[in-house]
């Protein structure tokens, strides 16, 4: 399958490694080397996403750093914030539909994990962390909050309102398709590829957190 391009986003406290062709496969650590190692270690967990999308995926990653990006306060706060140069390039129809399929699969994986999780999640070492429903509410709220960056205005769905959640997701995918030319979807906003990467990262980051905190070990 060839080398997988990775962007490294370097903040003062955190470094993100993002697999640019695989939305949702993105991990963070204190150093570039640790971020790459962590990204590679999550290949087998991420494999559920391309499986759901019907896209072939090798679990033994061949990662190649193609860009190093300067992070900012958002990076250090805990979210990938820098757009890679390649993300401003136009997409073919096939590339666009592949990206949308992978983002939709991250939502499906998030929903699957939530469905199997207990309402009360294991707390962190200092007793912190959201429980399941608050985590879902946070992810839904973030996606509604991201919407203006894509030229959209979306109301946050209520927990359990599957119709509203599905409609918001369809709107986000439609915005990605409208941004196939690689240009920002509104002045000062995000381009489609970065938006897809950011939204998919957020869904998977919390899906994995819910999985990890569902255990009693």
C-alpha atoms as a PDB file:
ATOM      1  CA  UNK A   1       0.000   0.000   0.000  1.00  0.00           C
ATOM      2  CA  UNK A   2       3.064   2.245   0.118  1.00  0.00           C
ATOM      3  CA  UNK A   3       4.136   4.782   2.688  1.00  0.00           C
ATOM      4  CA  UNK A   4       1.471   6.636   4.634  1.00  0.00           C
ATOM      5  CA  UNK A   5       2.007  10.403   4.767  1.00  0.00           C
ATOM      6  CA  UNK A   6       2.057  11.905   8.245  1.00  0.00           C
ATOM      7  CA  UNK A   7       1.954  15.540   9.335  1.00  0.00           C
ATOM      8  CA  UNK A   8       3.703  16.496  12.569  1.00  0.00           C
ATOM      9  CA  UNK A   9       2.249  19.466  14.435  1.00  0.00           C
ATOM     10  CA  UNK A  10       4.636  20.818  17.053  1.00  0.00           C
ATOM     11  CA  UNK A  11       3.471  22.885  19.988  1.00  0.00           C
ATOM     12  CA  UNK A  12       5.421  23.890  23.073  1.00  0.00           C
ATOM     13  CA  UNK A  13       3.872  21.123  25.216  1.00  0.00           C
ATOM     14  CA  UNK A  14       2.382  18.637  22.751  1.00  0.00           C
ATOM     15  CA  UNK A  15       3.147  17.114  19.381  1.00  0.00           C
ATOM     16  CA  UNK A  16       0.452  15.636  17.140  1.00  0.00           C
ATOM     17  CA  UNK A  17       1.090  13.005  14.485  1.00  0.00           C
ATOM     18  CA  UNK A  18      -1.728  12.778  11.917  1.00  0.00           C
ATOM     19  CA  UNK A  19      -2.037  10.215   9.129  1.00  0.00           C
ATOM     20  CA  UNK A  20      -3.193  12.567   6.397  1.00  0.00           C
ATOM     21  CA  UNK A  21      -4.948   9.971   4.249  1.00  0.00           C
ATOM     22  CA  UNK A  22      -6.790   8.366   7.153  1.00  0.00           C
ATOM     23  CA  UNK A  23      -9.126  10.787   9.000  1.00  0.00           C
ATOM     24  CA  UNK A  24      -9.371   9.929  12.679  1.00  0.00           C
ATOM     25  CA  UNK A  25      -5.945   8.291  12.926  1.00  0.00           C
ATOM     26  CA  UNK A  26      -4.129  10.938  14.934  1.00  0.00           C
ATOM     27  CA  UNK A  27      -2.292  10.735  18.252  1.00  0.00           C
ATOM     28  CA  UNK A  28      -0.385  13.082  20.509  1.00  0.00           C
ATOM     29  CA  UNK A  29       2.618  12.852  22.819  1.00  0.00           C
ATOM     30  CA  UNK A  30       5.319  15.030  24.362  1.00  0.00           C
ATOM     31  CA  UNK A  31       7.824  14.561  21.528  1.00  0.00           C
ATOM     32  CA  UNK A  32       7.738  13.923  17.791  1.00  0.00           C
ATOM     33  CA  UNK A  33       9.214  10.436  18.129  1.00  0.00           C
ATOM     34  CA  UNK A  34       6.734   9.434  20.817  1.00  0.00           C
ATOM     35  CA  UNK A  35       3.842  10.852  18.795  1.00  0.00           C
ATOM     36  CA  UNK A  36       4.854   8.771  15.768  1.00  0.00           C
ATOM     37  CA  UNK A  37       5.298   5.667  17.907  1.00  0.00           C
ATOM     38  CA  UNK A  38       1.902   6.204  19.515  1.00  0.00           C
ATOM     39  CA  UNK A  39       0.273   6.716  16.116  1.00  0.00           C
ATOM     40  CA  UNK A  40       1.781   3.443  14.894  1.00  0.00           C
ATOM     41  CA  UNK A  41       0.631   1.612  18.011  1.00  0.00           C
ATOM     42  CA  UNK A  42      -2.980   2.654  17.330  1.00  0.00           C
ATOM     43  CA  UNK A  43      -3.060   1.174  13.808  1.00  0.00           C
ATOM     44  CA  UNK A  44      -4.826  -1.984  14.963  1.00  0.00           C
ATOM     45  CA  UNK A  45      -7.438   0.021  16.876  1.00  0.00           C
ATOM     46  CA  UNK A  46      -7.993   2.400  13.974  1.00  0.00           C
ATOM     47  CA  UNK A  47      -8.446  -0.553  11.606  1.00  0.00           C
ATOM     48  CA  UNK A  48     -12.118  -0.746  12.667  1.00  0.00           C
ATOM     49  CA  UNK A  49     -12.747   2.519  10.782  1.00  0.00           C
ATOM     50  CA  UNK A  50     -11.582   1.498   7.292  1.00  0.00           C
ATOM     51  CA  UNK A  51     -13.195  -1.900   7.867  1.00  0.00           C
ATOM     52  CA  UNK A  52     -16.536  -0.176   8.436  1.00  0.00           C
ATOM     53  CA  UNK A  53     -15.918   1.999   5.359  1.00  0.00           C
ATOM     54  CA  UNK A  54     -15.019  -1.004   3.197  1.00  0.00           C
ATOM     55  CA  UNK A  55     -11.507   0.308   2.531  1.00  0.00           C
ATOM     56  CA  UNK A  56      -8.444  -1.919   2.599  1.00  0.00           C
ATOM     57  CA  UNK A  57      -6.062  -1.139   5.460  1.00  0.00           C
ATOM     58  CA  UNK A  58      -2.793  -2.798   6.471  1.00  0.00           C
ATOM     59  CA  UNK A  59      -2.324  -2.905  10.234  1.00  0.00           C
ATOM     60  CA  UNK A  60       1.476  -2.757   9.964  1.00  0.00           C
ATOM     61  CA  UNK A  61       2.016   0.944   9.260  1.00  0.00           C
ATOM     62  CA  UNK A  62       4.720   2.409   7.047  1.00  0.00           C
ATOM     63  CA  UNK A  63       4.635   6.017   8.234  1.00  0.00           C
ATOM     64  CA  UNK A  64       6.499   8.817   6.461  1.00  0.00           C
ATOM     65  CA  UNK A  65       6.615  12.383   7.773  1.00  0.00           C
ATOM     66  CA  UNK A  66       5.831  14.727   4.875  1.00  0.00           C
ATOM     67  CA  UNK A  67       5.163  17.995   6.731  1.00  0.00           C
ATOM     68  CA  UNK A  68       6.078  19.601  10.017  1.00  0.00           C
ATOM     69  CA  UNK A  69       3.630  22.258  11.153  1.00  0.00           C
ATOM     70  CA  UNK A  70       3.892  24.955  13.793  1.00  0.00           C
ATOM     71  CA  UNK A  71       1.337  24.419  16.534  1.00  0.00           C
ATOM     72  CA  UNK A  72      -0.373  27.026  18.683  1.00  0.00           C
ATOM     73  CA  UNK A  73      -2.290  27.325  21.941  1.00  0.00           C
ATOM     74  CA  UNK A  74      -4.963  24.942  20.619  1.00  0.00           C
ATOM     75  CA  UNK A  75      -2.265  22.348  19.952  1.00  0.00           C
ATOM     76  CA  UNK A  76      -1.044  22.606  23.530  1.00  0.00           C
ATOM     77  CA  UNK A  77      -4.612  22.546  24.824  1.00  0.00           C
ATOM     78  CA  UNK A  78      -5.063  19.171  23.132  1.00  0.00           C
ATOM     79  CA  UNK A  79      -6.413  19.447  19.581  1.00  0.00           C
ATOM     80  CA  UNK A  80      -4.700  19.373  16.162  1.00  0.00           C
ATOM     81  CA  UNK A  81      -5.004  22.940  14.927  1.00  0.00           C
ATOM     82  CA  UNK A  82      -2.697  23.403  11.914  1.00  0.00           C
ATOM     83  CA  UNK A  83      -3.682  22.746   8.311  1.00  0.00           C
ATOM     84  CA  UNK A  84      -1.184  20.818   6.220  1.00  0.00           C
ATOM     85  CA  UNK A  85      -0.270  22.183   2.789  1.00  0.00           C
ATOM     86  CA  UNK A  86      -1.533  19.049   1.080  1.00  0.00           C
ATOM     87  CA  UNK A  87      -4.951  19.670   2.613  1.00  0.00           C
ATOM     88  CA  UNK A  88      -5.392  22.737   0.428  1.00  0.00           C
ATOM     89  CA  UNK A  89      -4.972  20.719  -2.768  1.00  0.00           C
ATOM     90  CA  UNK A  90      -8.058  19.819  -4.847  1.00  0.00           C
ATOM     91  CA  UNK A  91      -9.506  16.332  -4.417  1.00  0.00           C
ATOM     92  CA  UNK A  92     -10.643  13.986  -7.128  1.00  0.00           C
ATOM     93  CA  UNK A  93     -14.145  12.563  -6.818  1.00  0.00           C
ATOM     94  CA  UNK A  94     -12.677   9.261  -5.643  1.00  0.00           C
ATOM     95  CA  UNK A  95     -10.499  10.956  -2.995  1.00  0.00           C
ATOM     96  CA  UNK A  96     -13.445  12.992  -1.763  1.00  0.00           C
ATOM     97  CA  UNK A  97     -15.798  10.029  -1.448  1.00  0.00           C
ATOM     98  CA  UNK A  98     -13.101   7.962   0.263  1.00  0.00           C
ATOM     99  CA  UNK A  99     -12.558  10.739   2.814  1.00  0.00           C
ATOM    100  CA  UNK A 100     -16.282  11.098   3.466  1.00  0.00           C
ATOM    101  CA  UNK A 101     -16.653   7.332   3.874  1.00  0.00           C
ATOM    102  CA  UNK A 102     -13.873   7.278   6.469  1.00  0.00           C
ATOM    103  CA  UNK A 103     -15.348  10.191   8.434  1.00  0.00           C
ATOM    104  CA  UNK A 104     -18.769   8.529   8.406  1.00  0.00           C
ATOM    105  CA  UNK A 105     -17.103   5.350   9.654  1.00  0.00           C
ATOM    106  CA  UNK A 106     -15.551   7.218  12.595  1.00  0.00           C
ATOM    107  CA  UNK A 107     -19.046   8.291  13.615  1.00  0.00           C
ATOM    108  CA  UNK A 108     -20.265   4.717  13.281  1.00  0.00           C
ATOM    109  CA  UNK A 109     -17.386   3.508  15.430  1.00  0.00           C
ATOM    110  CA  UNK A 110     -18.050   6.203  18.028  1.00  0.00           C
ATOM    111  CA  UNK A 111     -21.719   5.185  18.156  1.00  0.00           C
ATOM    112  CA  UNK A 112     -20.772   1.502  18.477  1.00  0.00           C
ATOM    113  CA  UNK A 113     -18.431   2.192  21.384  1.00  0.00           C
ATOM    114  CA  UNK A 114     -21.010   4.390  23.151  1.00  0.00           C
ATOM    115  CA  UNK A 115     -23.704   1.732  22.773  1.00  0.00           C
ATOM    116  CA  UNK A 116     -21.545  -0.845  24.533  1.00  0.00           C
ATOM    117  CA  UNK A 117     -20.233   1.448  27.282  1.00  0.00           C
ATOM    118  CA  UNK A 118     -21.548   1.752  30.841  1.00  0.00           C
ATOM    119  CA  UNK A 119     -23.200   5.020  31.843  1.00  0.00           C
ATOM    120  CA  UNK A 120     -20.528   5.628  34.490  1.00  0.00           C
ATOM    121  CA  UNK A 121     -16.950   5.447  33.260  1.00  0.00           C
ATOM    122  CA  UNK A 122     -13.888   4.682  35.327  1.00  0.00           C
ATOM    123  CA  UNK A 123     -12.367   7.902  36.667  1.00  0.00           C
ATOM    124  CA  UNK A 124      -8.856   9.077  35.992  1.00  0.00           C
ATOM    125  CA  UNK A 125      -6.069   8.930  38.588  1.00  0.00           C
ATOM    126  CA  UNK A 126      -7.272  12.239  40.041  1.00  0.00           C
ATOM    127  CA  UNK A 127     -10.954  11.337  39.898  1.00  0.00           C
ATOM    128  CA  UNK A 128     -11.674  13.316  36.731  1.00  0.00           C
ATOM    129  CA  UNK A 129     -13.227  12.635  33.355  1.00  0.00           C
ATOM    130  CA  UNK A 130     -16.695  12.859  31.808  1.00  0.00           C
ATOM    131  CA  UNK A 131     -19.114   9.965  32.048  1.00  0.00           C
ATOM    132  CA  UNK A 132     -20.586   8.413  28.896  1.00  0.00           C
ATOM    133  CA  UNK A 133     -23.532  10.718  28.238  1.00  0.00           C
ATOM    134  CA  UNK A 134     -21.544  13.853  28.974  1.00  0.00           C
ATOM    135  CA  UNK A 135     -18.878  12.600  26.577  1.00  0.00           C
ATOM    136  CA  UNK A 136     -21.471  12.128  23.833  1.00  0.00           C
ATOM    137  CA  UNK A 137     -22.920  15.561  24.546  1.00  0.00           C
ATOM    138  CA  UNK A 138     -19.426  17.044  24.318  1.00  0.00           C
ATOM    139  CA  UNK A 139     -18.728  15.453  20.913  1.00  0.00           C
ATOM    140  CA  UNK A 140     -22.093  16.536  19.510  1.00  0.00           C
ATOM    141  CA  UNK A 141     -21.561  20.040  20.849  1.00  0.00           C
ATOM    142  CA  UNK A 142     -18.080  20.267  19.371  1.00  0.00           C
ATOM    143  CA  UNK A 143     -19.337  19.281  15.929  1.00  0.00           C
ATOM    144  CA  UNK A 144     -22.036  21.948  16.099  1.00  0.00           C
ATOM    145  CA  UNK A 145     -19.354  24.373  17.256  1.00  0.00           C
ATOM    146  CA  UNK A 146     -17.121  23.470  14.320  1.00  0.00           C
ATOM    147  CA  UNK A 147     -19.957  24.038  11.818  1.00  0.00           C
ATOM    148  CA  UNK A 148     -19.436  27.823  11.346  1.00  0.00           C
ATOM    149  CA  UNK A 149     -15.871  27.076  10.214  1.00  0.00           C
ATOM    150  CA  UNK A 150     -17.518  25.240   7.312  1.00  0.00           C
ATOM    151  CA  UNK A 151     -20.101  27.902   6.546  1.00  0.00           C
ATOM    152  CA  UNK A 152     -22.835  25.990   8.375  1.00  0.00           C
ATOM    153  CA  UNK A 153     -25.136  26.792  11.266  1.00  0.00           C
ATOM    154  CA  UNK A 154     -26.088  23.609  13.098  1.00  0.00           C
ATOM    155  CA  UNK A 155     -28.102  23.254  16.275  1.00  0.00           C
ATOM    156  CA  UNK A 156     -26.667  20.772  18.764  1.00  0.00           C
ATOM    157  CA  UNK A 157     -28.846  17.638  18.778  1.00  0.00           C
ATOM    158  CA  UNK A 158     -30.301  16.329  22.005  1.00  0.00           C
ATOM    159  CA  UNK A 159     -28.905  13.069  23.323  1.00  0.00           C
ATOM    160  CA  UNK A 160     -30.741  10.193  21.696  1.00  0.00           C
ATOM    161  CA  UNK A 161     -32.202  12.279  18.863  1.00  0.00           C
ATOM    162  CA  UNK A 162     -30.893  10.033  16.114  1.00  0.00           C
ATOM    163  CA  UNK A 163     -32.706  11.903  13.351  1.00  0.00           C
ATOM    164  CA  UNK A 164     -31.129  15.243  14.313  1.00  0.00           C
ATOM    165  CA  UNK A 165     -27.690  13.689  14.796  1.00  0.00           C
ATOM    166  CA  UNK A 166     -27.884  12.025  11.378  1.00  0.00           C
ATOM    167  CA  UNK A 167     -29.038  15.255   9.741  1.00  0.00           C
ATOM    168  CA  UNK A 168     -26.101  17.189  11.229  1.00  0.00           C
ATOM    169  CA  UNK A 169     -23.695  14.544   9.997  1.00  0.00           C
ATOM    170  CA  UNK A 170     -25.186  14.659   6.511  1.00  0.00           C
ATOM    171  CA  UNK A 171     -24.752  18.438   6.532  1.00  0.00           C
ATOM    172  CA  UNK A 172     -21.097  18.127   7.502  1.00  0.00           C
ATOM    173  CA  UNK A 173     -20.450  15.582   4.746  1.00  0.00           C
ATOM    174  CA  UNK A 174     -22.201  17.858   2.247  1.00  0.00           C
ATOM    175  CA  UNK A 175     -19.905  20.694   3.321  1.00  0.00           C
ATOM    176  CA  UNK A 176     -16.859  18.483   2.749  1.00  0.00           C
ATOM    177  CA  UNK A 177     -18.118  17.693  -0.744  1.00  0.00           C
ATOM    178  CA  UNK A 178     -18.596  21.399  -1.411  1.00  0.00           C
ATOM    179  CA  UNK A 179     -14.940  21.940  -0.520  1.00  0.00           C
ATOM    180  CA  UNK A 180     -13.420  19.507  -2.999  1.00  0.00           C
ATOM    181  CA  UNK A 181     -11.381  22.349  -4.520  1.00  0.00           C
ATOM    182  CA  UNK A 182      -9.312  22.616  -1.333  1.00  0.00           C
ATOM    183  CA  UNK A 183     -10.302  26.207  -0.576  1.00  0.00           C
ATOM    184  CA  UNK A 184     -11.667  27.283   2.837  1.00  0.00           C
ATOM    185  CA  UNK A 185     -15.400  26.731   3.025  1.00  0.00           C
ATOM    186  CA  UNK A 186     -15.875  30.277   4.310  1.00  0.00           C
ATOM    187  CA  UNK A 187     -13.621  33.288   4.784  1.00  0.00           C
ATOM    188  CA  UNK A 188     -11.360  32.598   7.729  1.00  0.00           C
ATOM    189  CA  UNK A 189     -12.721  29.069   7.988  1.00  0.00           C
ATOM    190  CA  UNK A 190     -11.408  25.559   7.434  1.00  0.00           C
ATOM    191  CA  UNK A 191     -10.826  23.639   4.245  1.00  0.00           C
ATOM    192  CA  UNK A 192     -12.598  20.311   3.817  1.00  0.00           C
ATOM    193  CA  UNK A 193      -9.643  18.003   4.392  1.00  0.00           C
ATOM    194  CA  UNK A 194      -8.545  19.635   7.610  1.00  0.00           C
ATOM    195  CA  UNK A 195     -12.149  19.824   8.838  1.00  0.00           C
ATOM    196  CA  UNK A 196     -12.603  16.123   8.135  1.00  0.00           C
ATOM    197  CA  UNK A 197      -9.374  15.299   9.954  1.00  0.00           C
ATOM    198  CA  UNK A 198     -10.277  17.438  12.971  1.00  0.00           C
ATOM    199  CA  UNK A 199     -13.841  16.107  13.269  1.00  0.00           C
ATOM    200  CA  UNK A 200     -12.802  12.479  12.775  1.00  0.00           C
ATOM    201  CA  UNK A 201      -9.932  12.859  15.273  1.00  0.00           C
ATOM    202  CA  UNK A 202     -12.328  14.185  17.899  1.00  0.00           C
ATOM    203  CA  UNK A 203     -14.797  11.334  17.441  1.00  0.00           C
ATOM    204  CA  UNK A 204     -12.095   8.664  17.601  1.00  0.00           C
ATOM    205  CA  UNK A 205     -10.168  10.279  20.444  1.00  0.00           C
ATOM    206  CA  UNK A 206     -13.253  10.106  22.618  1.00  0.00           C
ATOM    207  CA  UNK A 207     -14.306   6.693  21.329  1.00  0.00           C
ATOM    208  CA  UNK A 208     -10.951   5.327  22.451  1.00  0.00           C
ATOM    209  CA  UNK A 209     -11.190   7.176  25.753  1.00  0.00           C
ATOM    210  CA  UNK A 210     -14.617   5.656  26.390  1.00  0.00           C
ATOM    211  CA  UNK A 211     -13.259   2.196  25.574  1.00  0.00           C
ATOM    212  CA  UNK A 212     -10.280   2.633  27.874  1.00  0.00           C
ATOM    213  CA  UNK A 213     -12.386   3.979  30.715  1.00  0.00           C
ATOM    214  CA  UNK A 214     -15.116   1.364  30.363  1.00  0.00           C
ATOM    215  CA  UNK A 215     -12.875  -1.283  31.890  1.00  0.00           C
ATOM    216  CA  UNK A 216     -12.642  -1.770  35.646  1.00  0.00           C
ATOM    217  CA  UNK A 217      -8.941  -2.685  35.538  1.00  0.00           C
END
